[in-house]
Each structure stands twice: as structure tokens, then as C-alpha cells.
Protein backbone atom coordinates (compact mmCIF):
# COMPACT_ATOMS: atom_id res chain seq x y z
CA MET A 1 21.79 -17.82 7.72
CA PRO A 2 23.07 -19.44 4.51
CA ASP A 3 26.82 -20.01 4.64
CA LYS A 4 29.18 -17.70 2.84
CA SER A 5 29.48 -19.85 -0.26
CA ILE A 6 25.71 -19.89 -0.71
CA ARG A 7 25.48 -16.14 -0.11
CA ASN A 8 28.15 -15.61 -2.76
CA ARG A 9 26.22 -17.78 -5.22
CA LEU A 10 23.05 -15.80 -4.51
CA SER A 11 24.92 -12.52 -4.92
CA ASP A 12 26.37 -13.64 -8.24
CA ALA A 13 22.90 -14.71 -9.40
CA VAL A 14 21.38 -11.34 -8.45
CA ASP A 15 24.15 -9.53 -10.34
CA ARG A 16 23.82 -11.70 -13.45
CA ALA A 17 20.09 -11.05 -13.67
CA PHE A 18 20.08 -7.40 -12.59
CA ASP A 19 19.93 -5.88 -16.07
CA GLU A 20 16.93 -8.11 -16.75
CA GLN A 21 15.43 -7.03 -13.43
CA VAL A 22 15.75 -3.36 -14.36
CA ARG A 23 14.10 -4.04 -17.73
CA PHE A 24 11.33 -5.93 -15.93
CA LEU A 25 10.80 -2.99 -13.55
CA ALA A 26 10.75 -0.45 -16.37
CA ASP A 27 8.24 -2.62 -18.22
CA ILE A 28 5.78 -2.85 -15.33
CA VAL A 29 6.15 0.89 -14.63
CA ARG A 30 5.05 1.49 -18.22
CA HIS A 31 1.70 -0.07 -17.35
CA PRO A 32 -0.48 2.75 -15.95
CA SER A 33 -2.05 0.48 -13.35
CA LEU A 34 -4.38 3.06 -11.85
CA ARG A 35 -7.35 1.99 -9.78
CA GLY A 36 -9.77 0.07 -11.97
CA ARG A 37 -7.16 -0.24 -14.72
CA GLU A 38 -4.83 -2.83 -13.22
CA ALA A 39 -5.97 -5.85 -15.26
CA PRO A 40 -3.46 -5.50 -18.16
CA LEU A 41 -0.55 -5.47 -15.73
CA GLN A 42 -1.97 -8.39 -13.79
CA ASP A 43 -2.29 -10.30 -17.05
CA HIS A 44 1.36 -9.47 -17.76
CA MET A 45 2.38 -10.70 -14.30
CA ALA A 46 0.40 -13.91 -14.68
CA ARG A 47 2.14 -14.64 -17.99
CA TRP A 48 5.56 -13.85 -16.48
CA PHE A 49 4.99 -16.23 -13.57
CA ASN A 50 3.54 -18.93 -15.79
CA ALA A 51 6.57 -18.82 -18.08
CA ARG A 52 8.77 -19.54 -15.07
CA GLY A 53 6.89 -22.57 -13.89
CA TYR A 54 4.76 -21.14 -11.12
CA SER A 55 1.24 -22.35 -10.47
CA VAL A 56 -0.77 -19.20 -11.21
CA ASP A 57 -4.13 -18.25 -9.73
CA ARG A 58 -5.74 -15.13 -11.23
CA PHE A 59 -9.05 -14.13 -9.65
CA SER A 60 -11.18 -11.06 -9.05
CA LEU A 61 -12.42 -9.50 -5.84
CA ALA A 62 -15.88 -10.68 -6.84
CA ASP A 63 -14.65 -14.29 -6.60
CA VAL A 64 -14.15 -14.17 -2.82
CA PRO A 65 -16.64 -13.41 -0.01
CA LEU A 66 -15.34 -9.95 0.84
CA ALA A 67 -18.71 -8.74 2.11
CA GLU A 68 -18.66 -11.44 4.78
CA HIS A 69 -15.41 -10.24 6.37
CA ALA A 70 -15.59 -7.53 9.01
CA LYS A 71 -12.37 -5.90 7.83
CA ALA A 72 -13.29 -5.49 4.18
CA SER A 73 -13.54 -1.83 3.18
CA PRO A 74 -16.34 -0.36 1.02
CA MET A 75 -15.63 0.03 -2.70
CA VAL A 76 -18.01 2.76 -3.80
CA ASP A 77 -16.38 3.81 -7.07
CA VAL A 78 -14.90 0.56 -8.47
CA ASP A 79 -16.41 -2.72 -9.63
CA PRO A 80 -14.85 -5.59 -7.64
CA ALA A 81 -15.34 -7.90 -10.64
CA GLY A 82 -12.77 -5.84 -12.56
CA SER A 83 -10.10 -5.86 -9.85
CA PHE A 84 -7.82 -8.87 -10.34
CA GLN A 85 -5.32 -10.51 -8.01
CA VAL A 86 -2.49 -12.84 -8.99
CA VAL A 87 -0.97 -15.53 -6.77
CA ALA A 88 2.02 -17.43 -8.14
CA SER A 89 2.87 -20.49 -6.06
CA ARG A 90 6.05 -22.54 -6.06
CA ARG A 91 5.20 -25.57 -3.98
CA CYS A 92 7.70 -27.95 -2.43
CA ALA A 93 6.91 -31.67 -2.73
CA SER A 94 8.80 -32.56 0.47
CA PRO A 95 8.98 -29.41 2.59
CA THR A 96 11.57 -29.19 5.34
CA GLY A 97 11.44 -25.42 5.89
CA ARG A 98 8.84 -22.77 6.62
CA SER A 99 6.32 -21.46 4.12
CA LEU A 100 6.26 -17.83 3.02
CA ILE A 101 4.00 -15.28 1.37
CA ILE A 102 5.69 -12.37 -0.39
CA GLN A 103 3.15 -9.79 -1.47
CA GLY A 104 3.35 -6.54 -3.39
CA HIS A 105 0.72 -4.17 -4.72
CA ILE A 106 0.73 -3.09 -8.35
CA ASP A 107 -1.93 -0.36 -8.13
CA VAL A 108 -0.65 3.21 -8.32
CA VAL A 109 -2.05 6.63 -7.52
CA PRO A 110 -2.76 9.19 -10.28
CA GLU A 111 0.27 10.93 -11.71
CA GLY A 112 -1.09 14.49 -11.88
CA PRO A 113 -0.12 16.87 -14.69
CA ALA A 114 2.47 15.07 -16.83
CA GLU A 115 4.14 18.38 -17.75
CA MET A 116 5.18 18.78 -14.12
CA TRP A 117 7.36 15.65 -14.30
CA SER A 118 10.98 15.75 -15.45
CA PHE A 119 10.43 12.45 -17.30
CA PRO A 120 7.25 10.84 -18.63
CA PRO A 121 5.38 9.45 -15.62
CA TYR A 122 4.93 6.06 -17.27
CA GLY A 123 8.19 6.03 -19.15
CA GLY A 124 10.32 3.89 -16.83
CA THR A 125 13.25 6.22 -17.52
CA VAL A 126 16.65 5.23 -16.11
CA LYS A 127 19.09 8.05 -15.36
CA ASP A 128 22.11 8.33 -13.04
CA GLY A 129 21.29 5.18 -11.11
CA TRP A 130 17.59 5.90 -10.62
CA LEU A 131 14.47 4.59 -12.36
CA TYR A 132 11.66 7.15 -12.66
CA GLY A 133 7.92 6.74 -12.98
CA ARG A 134 4.63 6.54 -11.16
CA GLY A 135 4.79 3.43 -9.03
CA ALA A 136 8.51 2.95 -9.64
CA ASN A 137 9.13 3.13 -5.91
CA ASP A 138 5.64 2.57 -4.48
CA MET A 139 5.88 -0.30 -4.95
CA LYS A 140 6.88 -1.85 -8.24
CA ALA A 141 10.54 -1.85 -7.20
CA GLY A 142 9.54 -4.14 -4.35
CA VAL A 143 7.59 -6.36 -6.75
CA SER A 144 10.70 -6.67 -8.92
CA ALA A 145 12.76 -7.49 -5.82
CA MET A 146 10.47 -10.33 -4.75
CA CYS A 147 10.36 -11.79 -8.25
CA PHE A 148 14.09 -11.64 -8.80
CA ALA A 149 14.99 -12.79 -5.30
CA MET A 150 13.24 -16.01 -6.26
CA GLU A 151 15.01 -15.95 -9.63
CA ALA A 152 18.33 -15.61 -7.78
CA LEU A 153 17.65 -18.82 -5.86
CA ARG A 154 16.96 -20.60 -9.14
CA GLY A 155 20.00 -19.02 -10.78
CA ALA A 156 22.16 -20.25 -7.91
CA GLY A 157 20.86 -23.78 -8.34
CA PHE A 158 18.37 -23.93 -5.48
CA ALA A 159 14.66 -24.15 -4.79
CA PRO A 160 12.95 -23.14 -1.54
CA ALA A 161 12.43 -26.08 0.82
CA ALA A 162 8.86 -24.93 1.53
CA ASP A 163 5.90 -23.44 -0.29
CA VAL A 164 6.34 -19.83 -1.46
CA HIS A 165 3.46 -17.70 -2.73
CA LEU A 166 4.31 -14.55 -4.68
CA GLN A 167 1.26 -12.29 -4.78
CA THR A 168 0.55 -9.14 -6.77
CA VAL A 169 -2.53 -7.36 -5.48
CA THR A 170 -4.66 -4.31 -6.13
CA GLU A 171 -6.52 -1.88 -3.88
CA GLU A 172 -3.60 -1.27 -1.49
CA GLU A 173 -3.85 2.46 -2.14
CA SER A 174 -7.59 2.62 -1.47
CA THR A 175 -9.01 -0.25 0.63
CA GLY A 176 -6.56 -3.09 1.17
CA ASN A 177 -9.18 -5.49 -0.19
CA GLY A 178 -6.69 -7.08 -2.58
CA ALA A 179 -4.55 -8.40 0.26
CA LEU A 180 -7.63 -9.53 2.16
CA ALA A 181 -8.89 -11.32 -0.94
CA THR A 182 -5.80 -13.53 -1.13
CA LEU A 183 -6.39 -14.62 2.45
CA LEU A 184 -10.06 -15.26 1.79
CA ARG A 185 -8.96 -17.29 -1.22
CA GLY A 186 -7.23 -19.58 1.28
CA TYR A 187 -3.56 -18.68 0.98
CA ARG A 188 -1.64 -19.06 4.23
CA ALA A 189 2.01 -19.25 5.26
CA GLU A 190 4.17 -19.17 8.35
CA ALA A 191 5.27 -15.60 7.59
CA CYS A 192 4.55 -12.78 5.19
CA LEU A 193 7.00 -10.28 3.71
CA ILE A 194 5.77 -7.11 1.99
CA PRO A 195 8.60 -5.25 0.22
CA GLU A 196 7.23 -1.72 0.44
CA PRO A 197 9.88 1.00 -0.10
CA THR A 198 11.19 1.25 3.48
CA GLY A 199 14.78 2.11 2.58
CA GLY A 200 16.18 -1.06 4.15
CA THR A 201 14.34 -0.64 7.45
CA ILE A 202 11.54 -2.69 8.94
CA THR A 203 8.22 -1.01 9.59
CA ARG A 204 7.62 -1.31 13.29
CA ALA A 205 4.23 0.42 13.29
CA HIS A 206 1.80 1.97 10.85
CA THR A 207 -1.25 4.10 11.43
CA GLY A 208 -4.72 3.19 10.25
CA THR A 209 -6.59 5.10 7.58
CA MET A 210 -10.21 6.02 6.88
CA TRP A 211 -11.63 7.48 3.69
CA PHE A 212 -14.86 9.44 3.68
CA ARG A 213 -16.77 11.68 1.32
CA LEU A 214 -18.48 14.86 2.52
CA LYS A 215 -21.65 15.44 0.49
CA VAL A 216 -23.06 18.95 0.86
CA ARG A 217 -26.06 20.57 -0.81
CA GLY A 218 -26.81 24.25 -1.43
CA VAL A 219 -29.43 26.54 -2.98
CA PRO A 220 -28.45 27.76 -6.45
CA VAL A 221 -29.21 31.37 -7.31
CA HIS A 222 -27.68 33.95 -9.61
CA VAL A 223 -24.54 35.29 -8.00
CA ALA A 224 -26.06 38.80 -8.24
CA VAL A 225 -28.39 37.76 -5.40
CA ALA A 226 -26.02 35.30 -3.71
CA GLN A 227 -27.29 36.33 -0.28
CA SER A 228 -30.64 34.70 -1.05
CA GLY A 229 -29.11 31.26 -1.79
CA SER A 230 -26.34 29.20 -0.28
CA ASN A 231 -22.92 28.12 -1.52
CA ALA A 232 -22.25 24.39 -1.11
CA ILE A 233 -18.50 24.85 -1.68
CA MET A 234 -18.24 27.39 1.12
CA SER A 235 -20.33 25.12 3.36
CA ALA A 236 -17.91 22.28 2.63
CA TYR A 237 -15.01 24.58 3.52
CA HIS A 238 -16.68 25.22 6.89
CA LEU A 239 -16.77 21.47 7.51
CA ILE A 240 -13.13 21.05 6.48
CA GLN A 241 -12.11 23.66 9.05
CA ALA A 242 -14.06 21.77 11.72
CA LEU A 243 -12.28 18.54 10.78
CA GLN A 244 -8.93 20.29 11.05
CA GLU A 245 -9.87 21.21 14.63
CA HIS A 246 -10.96 17.63 15.25
CA THR A 247 -7.56 16.42 14.01
CA ARG A 248 -5.72 18.80 16.31
CA ALA A 249 -7.62 17.34 19.26
CA LEU A 250 -6.77 13.80 18.14
CA ASN A 251 -3.09 14.68 17.96
CA GLU A 252 -3.17 15.95 21.53
CA VAL A 253 -4.39 12.52 22.63
CA ALA A 254 -1.68 10.88 20.48
CA LYS A 255 1.03 12.41 22.70
CA THR A 256 0.49 9.58 25.18
CA HIS A 257 0.46 6.70 22.66
CA PRO A 258 3.11 4.05 23.41
CA TRP A 259 4.45 4.01 19.82
CA TYR A 260 3.53 7.44 18.45
CA ALA A 261 4.13 9.76 21.41
CA GLN A 262 7.40 10.98 19.88
CA VAL A 263 5.96 11.46 16.39
CA GLN A 264 4.77 14.99 15.79
CA ASP A 265 1.08 15.09 14.78
CA PRO A 266 0.82 11.47 13.66
CA ILE A 267 -2.87 11.78 12.79
CA LYS A 268 -3.00 13.23 9.30
CA PHE A 269 -6.16 14.71 7.79
CA ASN A 270 -6.30 15.49 4.10
CA PRO A 271 -9.13 16.81 1.91
CA GLY A 272 -7.76 15.23 -1.26
CA GLN A 273 -10.41 15.76 -3.95
CA ILE A 274 -13.16 18.32 -4.39
CA ARG A 275 -15.96 18.52 -6.91
CA GLY A 276 -18.84 20.93 -6.93
CA GLY A 277 -21.00 23.48 -8.66
CA ASP A 278 -22.25 23.81 -12.19
CA TRP A 279 -21.66 27.43 -13.21
CA ALA A 280 -19.31 30.25 -12.19
CA SER A 281 -22.18 32.74 -11.91
CA SER A 282 -24.44 30.47 -9.86
CA THR A 283 -24.03 29.61 -6.21
CA PRO A 284 -23.09 25.91 -6.14
CA ALA A 285 -25.96 23.54 -5.44
CA TRP A 286 -23.65 20.68 -4.50
CA CYS A 287 -20.15 19.87 -3.35
CA GLU A 288 -18.34 16.61 -2.60
CA VAL A 289 -14.99 16.42 -0.84
CA ASP A 290 -13.06 13.15 -0.59
CA CYS A 291 -11.05 13.06 2.62
CA ARG A 292 -8.56 10.86 4.41
CA ILE A 293 -7.87 10.78 8.14
CA GLY A 294 -5.59 8.55 10.19
CA LEU A 295 -5.96 6.65 13.43
CA LEU A 296 -3.46 5.06 15.79
CA PRO A 297 -2.79 1.38 16.43
CA GLY A 298 -5.17 0.14 19.09
CA GLN A 299 -7.89 2.66 18.27
CA ASP A 300 -11.25 1.26 17.17
CA VAL A 301 -12.21 2.11 13.58
CA ALA A 302 -15.93 2.36 14.35
CA GLU A 303 -15.26 4.72 17.25
CA CYS A 304 -13.05 6.89 15.05
CA GLN A 305 -15.78 6.94 12.41
CA ARG A 306 -18.21 8.19 15.02
CA GLY A 307 -15.73 10.90 15.98
CA VAL A 308 -15.64 12.19 12.40
CA GLU A 309 -19.42 12.06 12.07
CA GLN A 310 -19.87 13.90 15.37
CA ALA A 311 -17.39 16.62 14.36
CA VAL A 312 -19.25 17.14 11.06
CA ALA A 313 -22.64 17.17 12.77
CA ALA A 314 -21.48 19.69 15.39
CA ALA A 315 -20.12 22.00 12.69
CA ALA A 316 -23.39 21.69 10.75
CA ARG A 317 -25.43 22.63 13.81
CA GLY A 318 -23.48 25.87 14.06
CA ASP A 319 -24.33 26.90 10.51
CA HIS A 320 -27.76 28.33 9.65
CA PHE A 321 -28.12 26.52 6.32
CA LEU A 322 -26.39 23.24 7.25
CA SER A 323 -28.39 22.91 10.45
CA ASN A 324 -31.50 22.56 8.32
CA ASN A 325 -29.79 20.69 5.49
CA PRO A 326 -27.41 18.25 7.18
CA PRO A 327 -24.39 17.10 5.17
CA GLU A 328 -23.81 13.41 4.53
CA VAL A 329 -20.67 11.50 5.47
CA GLN A 330 -20.18 8.55 3.13
CA TRP A 331 -17.52 5.95 3.91
CA HIS A 332 -16.14 5.04 0.52
CA GLY A 333 -12.73 3.39 0.94
CA PHE A 334 -10.21 2.56 3.63
CA LEU A 335 -11.52 1.53 7.02
CA ALA A 336 -8.10 0.30 8.09
CA ASP A 337 -6.69 -0.49 11.50
CA GLY A 338 -3.24 0.56 12.58
CA PHE A 339 -0.72 -2.19 13.30
CA VAL A 340 2.37 -2.74 15.42
CA LEU A 341 4.89 -5.46 14.63
CA GLU A 342 6.02 -6.31 18.14
CA PRO A 343 9.79 -6.86 18.34
CA GLY A 344 11.24 -10.28 18.93
CA SER A 345 9.84 -12.62 16.28
CA GLU A 346 12.12 -15.21 14.72
CA ALA A 347 11.09 -14.02 11.27
CA GLU A 348 12.29 -10.50 12.04
CA ALA A 349 15.57 -11.81 13.45
CA ILE A 350 16.21 -13.80 10.28
CA LEU A 351 15.37 -10.79 8.11
CA ALA A 352 17.74 -8.64 10.17
CA GLU A 353 20.54 -11.14 9.62
CA ALA A 354 19.79 -11.27 5.89
CA HIS A 355 19.95 -7.46 5.75
CA ARG A 356 23.24 -7.49 7.65
CA ALA A 357 24.71 -10.06 5.27
CA ALA A 358 23.67 -8.07 2.17
CA PHE A 359 24.28 -4.49 3.33
CA GLY A 360 26.90 -4.93 6.03
CA THR A 361 24.87 -2.74 8.40
CA GLU A 362 22.22 -3.25 11.05
CA MET A 363 18.59 -3.16 9.93
CA GLY A 364 16.86 -0.11 11.34
CA ALA A 365 13.18 0.24 12.23
CA ARG A 366 10.70 2.94 11.29
CA ILE A 367 7.33 4.13 12.50
CA THR A 368 5.14 5.48 9.73
CA THR A 369 2.03 7.64 9.51
CA ALA A 370 0.96 5.82 6.35
CA VAL A 371 -0.77 2.45 6.07
CA ASN A 372 0.30 -0.83 4.47
CA ASP A 373 -1.12 -4.33 4.09
CA THR A 374 0.71 -6.01 6.98
CA ARG A 375 -2.31 -5.47 9.24
CA PHE A 376 -4.27 -8.21 7.49
CA TYR A 377 -1.64 -10.87 8.13
CA GLY A 378 -0.52 -9.73 11.57
CA LEU A 379 -3.82 -8.67 13.14
CA TYR A 380 -6.42 -10.95 11.61
CA PHE A 381 -4.59 -14.07 10.40
CA ASP A 382 -1.95 -14.44 13.11
CA MET A 383 1.24 -14.62 11.07
CA PRO A 384 4.47 -12.61 11.35
CA ALA A 385 4.06 -9.72 8.92
CA LEU A 386 7.27 -7.99 7.86
CA CYS A 387 7.34 -4.78 5.83
CA TYR A 388 10.84 -4.25 4.40
CA GLY A 389 12.04 -3.14 1.00
CA PRO A 390 14.08 -0.86 -1.26
CA LYS A 391 14.74 2.87 -1.22
CA GLY A 392 13.43 5.71 -3.32
CA GLU A 393 11.84 9.13 -3.30
CA ASN A 394 8.67 11.10 -4.06
CA ASN A 395 5.99 8.49 -3.45
CA HIS A 396 2.65 9.95 -4.64
CA GLY A 397 4.56 13.00 -5.93
CA PHE A 398 6.22 14.22 -9.10
CA ASP A 399 9.41 12.48 -10.29
CA GLU A 400 8.84 9.38 -8.18
CA ARG A 401 11.97 7.26 -8.45
CA THR A 402 13.74 4.22 -7.01
CA ASN A 403 17.45 3.78 -6.41
CA LEU A 404 18.76 0.92 -8.52
CA GLU A 405 21.85 0.05 -6.49
CA GLN A 406 19.76 -0.12 -3.33
CA LEU A 407 17.29 -2.31 -5.24
CA ARG A 408 20.07 -4.72 -6.21
CA THR A 409 21.22 -5.12 -2.61
CA THR A 410 17.66 -5.37 -1.31
CA THR A 411 17.01 -8.18 -3.79
CA LEU A 412 20.01 -10.02 -2.37
CA ALA A 413 18.79 -9.47 1.20
CA MET A 414 15.40 -10.89 0.24
CA ALA A 415 17.03 -13.91 -1.42
CA CYS A 416 19.04 -14.55 1.74
CA PHE A 417 15.90 -14.25 3.84
CA ILE A 418 14.00 -16.74 1.67
CA ALA A 419 16.96 -19.12 1.80
CA ASP A 420 17.12 -19.03 5.59
CA TRP A 421 13.40 -18.92 6.39
CA CYS A 422 12.29 -21.52 3.85
CA GLY A 423 15.49 -23.54 3.65
CA LEU A 424 17.03 -24.69 0.38
CA GLN A 425 16.93 -27.82 -1.73
CA PRO A 426 18.98 -28.51 -4.86
CA LEU A 427 17.14 -27.48 -7.98
CA GLU A 428 15.85 -30.53 -9.82
């Protein structure tokens, strides 16, 4: 751990730059970086890094061989050529420490009806110590922390004594292909830190996630003779009920899982989008439902896919129309493994000490029923993958917000971690 005088210099540097950091965060929140619309923000990030002397690599998902990797997820609705990643590298000419990747996603989920927010969803409003906006907490606060942790080292007169790669990626909310693309581009390090909004805890385990689309057909007739046709929306509802039963069975099995046995119903199923029909007085001829379902660490994605397909097929066989007109299950996004960060790595111990130095408390651990990008680094590329970051509220909901004082202290903890993991050299 850096000695007290260095920690004090880092703390002073974080404080001096914190107003700028808040402005930076508000600025990137004002970019509505929804799926397929992230390029303007990535251009902004590339310019920001370039102005600070980083070597910047901006590339699209079409520039790497995603299709050749077994853990790439399908991208049915988005053109990979329009999804850009940014890697900003600060390389050390004579490294004496350990290299590091710090990665954050800049894609956000849709905001919903703006009138249901207290503040404009892309306004970056600051009030009573909180910054509001879609993506403010998930996870643009973490992106600001990683950027300004590095700025704190520079402000204190130091440079990392090893290569550091700051990465802003897309697709975290839908496939994870952005993170995978940076690895396929060739970027490696001796550890990876992802500052998702964990509230100052480390993510010990995350579930996997699968996205699928139910595609159902019907027979359109005038509603006056509805009995002579079929209603695709009602057929889809029948399938949703069957998948709810399937999920209940999965959660019974989860009661014996080594990490999730004490988590109530860790497998989450959600029909998240529905489209269907053409006219209120006609029985719908079609319906599509986009769904998400989880899986536990250690479970095989392909086997879990088969479980979903079998549940849908069994429900269809029990329905007169669907038995003769089978629904389609289309895999159109996440096919993500769960991941466990096993305790005991040196990287985690150093992060815990950095947290203790910044916050004065022990770093807790959490087990989550959501997914994050650590699986790529920890499962497939054999590097310690730490998920630790700031604190906020209402991810994916109305009035999403991040706590600014927690962000300040988290930025210091990250600066201390970089200093200890990578080592320090005087700034030239």
C-alpha cells in the first residue's frame, strides 16, 4: 500500500479535480448512449483521452473476429460495424509493476417515459449531493472514477510503473461483446478492474443471462367471430406462464448451489418487451416477446438454452393451435455464463487495502443476480477480474442517481489500488 504521504497526495489530487470530475460525469450522462447510438459518446471519450496523452484505439465490433469466439453473443438487432470501443493506453517505458485493465461500459438502457422522472433523464442534474440521469450510476460514475483515479496519480506527480489500459465499451447491457472485442483486439493485463456501481463492495459472484425472443403466429379474423381464429398475444401469454413454471423449478435446484443457496429465487425470468397484432378488432396474427432468464455459475449455457426450448415446446404441445403451429425461440442477445471470483487473490487483497485506506472500513462482498463483464477476463482469459465501484440507486429505473461523496472516495480507493498494483514512478 502506498505510504501515508503518497495517500495524502492522492487524496489532495482527487479533491482538487473533483469539481471537474462531476462536470465530466454530467457531460457524459448528457449523451444518450443507447444501444446503437453510442458512437458520439465514444468519440467524446476518445478526444478526452487523446487530449491527456493516452494512446487511443477506437475500433468497431466488425473489426475483430467475434464470430470465431465461442462466447460471443448474437446481435440480431444492431449492426456491429456501428458499435465502437475505445481503449486508451498509458504505457510504461521501463515497467517495474503489474499491468492493469480498467474497463467501464458507456451503453445505457432506455429511459422510459421522461415525464415519470423528477429530473430530465439526460440532464445530468446535481441536487443534494446526488447526480441524476440515465446511466449516471450504471455505470458512468464508474467511468468517471477510473478516468479521474488516473488523473489523481498525474496530479500527485506520479505515473503508473506498468501499462494501464482504460477501456470504454458498448454492449454490456445486451451481449457483453464490447468487452470481448477488446480482448480479441489483443489487450491483456495482469488484472482487470470493472468499476460497476457496487457500493464499495466487491462482486463475489454474478449469475449468467440469456436473451431470447418468442415468435408466435395466429389466425386473424374479425373479433366478432374470434372463436374461428386464434390470438397470437394470448398464445404468447400461455408460453410466458409455462416459462414462469420453468423458472420456479430452476429456483428449486438453486437451493443447493454453493454460492446461491442462501439467495431467494436467484434465477430471474422477465418478459421485457412485447409487440403484436395489427388492429384492435382483429385477432392478432403475430406476437413477439423479448425475454431474459438467468442461470447460475457453473451451469452450461447450451444446456440452459435447451431447457427453455423444451419448456416452450411442451407448453405448445398442450395447446390446440400451437401444437400445429409451433412457436419459434430466437436467441438474440446475451448468452452469458455466470462467474465466481474465488477469494484469496493478491489483486483482491490489494483492492481491499485500498478500500480500507480510503473509506476507513472493511470492503464487503456481494453476490448478485445480475451479470457483468468480469466473466470474460476471469473465465476465458485467466486474469483476476475485480468488480468494485461507487454507490447509487435506481439502476434501470426512474430517477437513477449516483452519490457524489461516495464517488469521490471511490475514486481515491481506485487511485490507491492503481498505485499499489502497478507501482509508481515520478512523472516525467
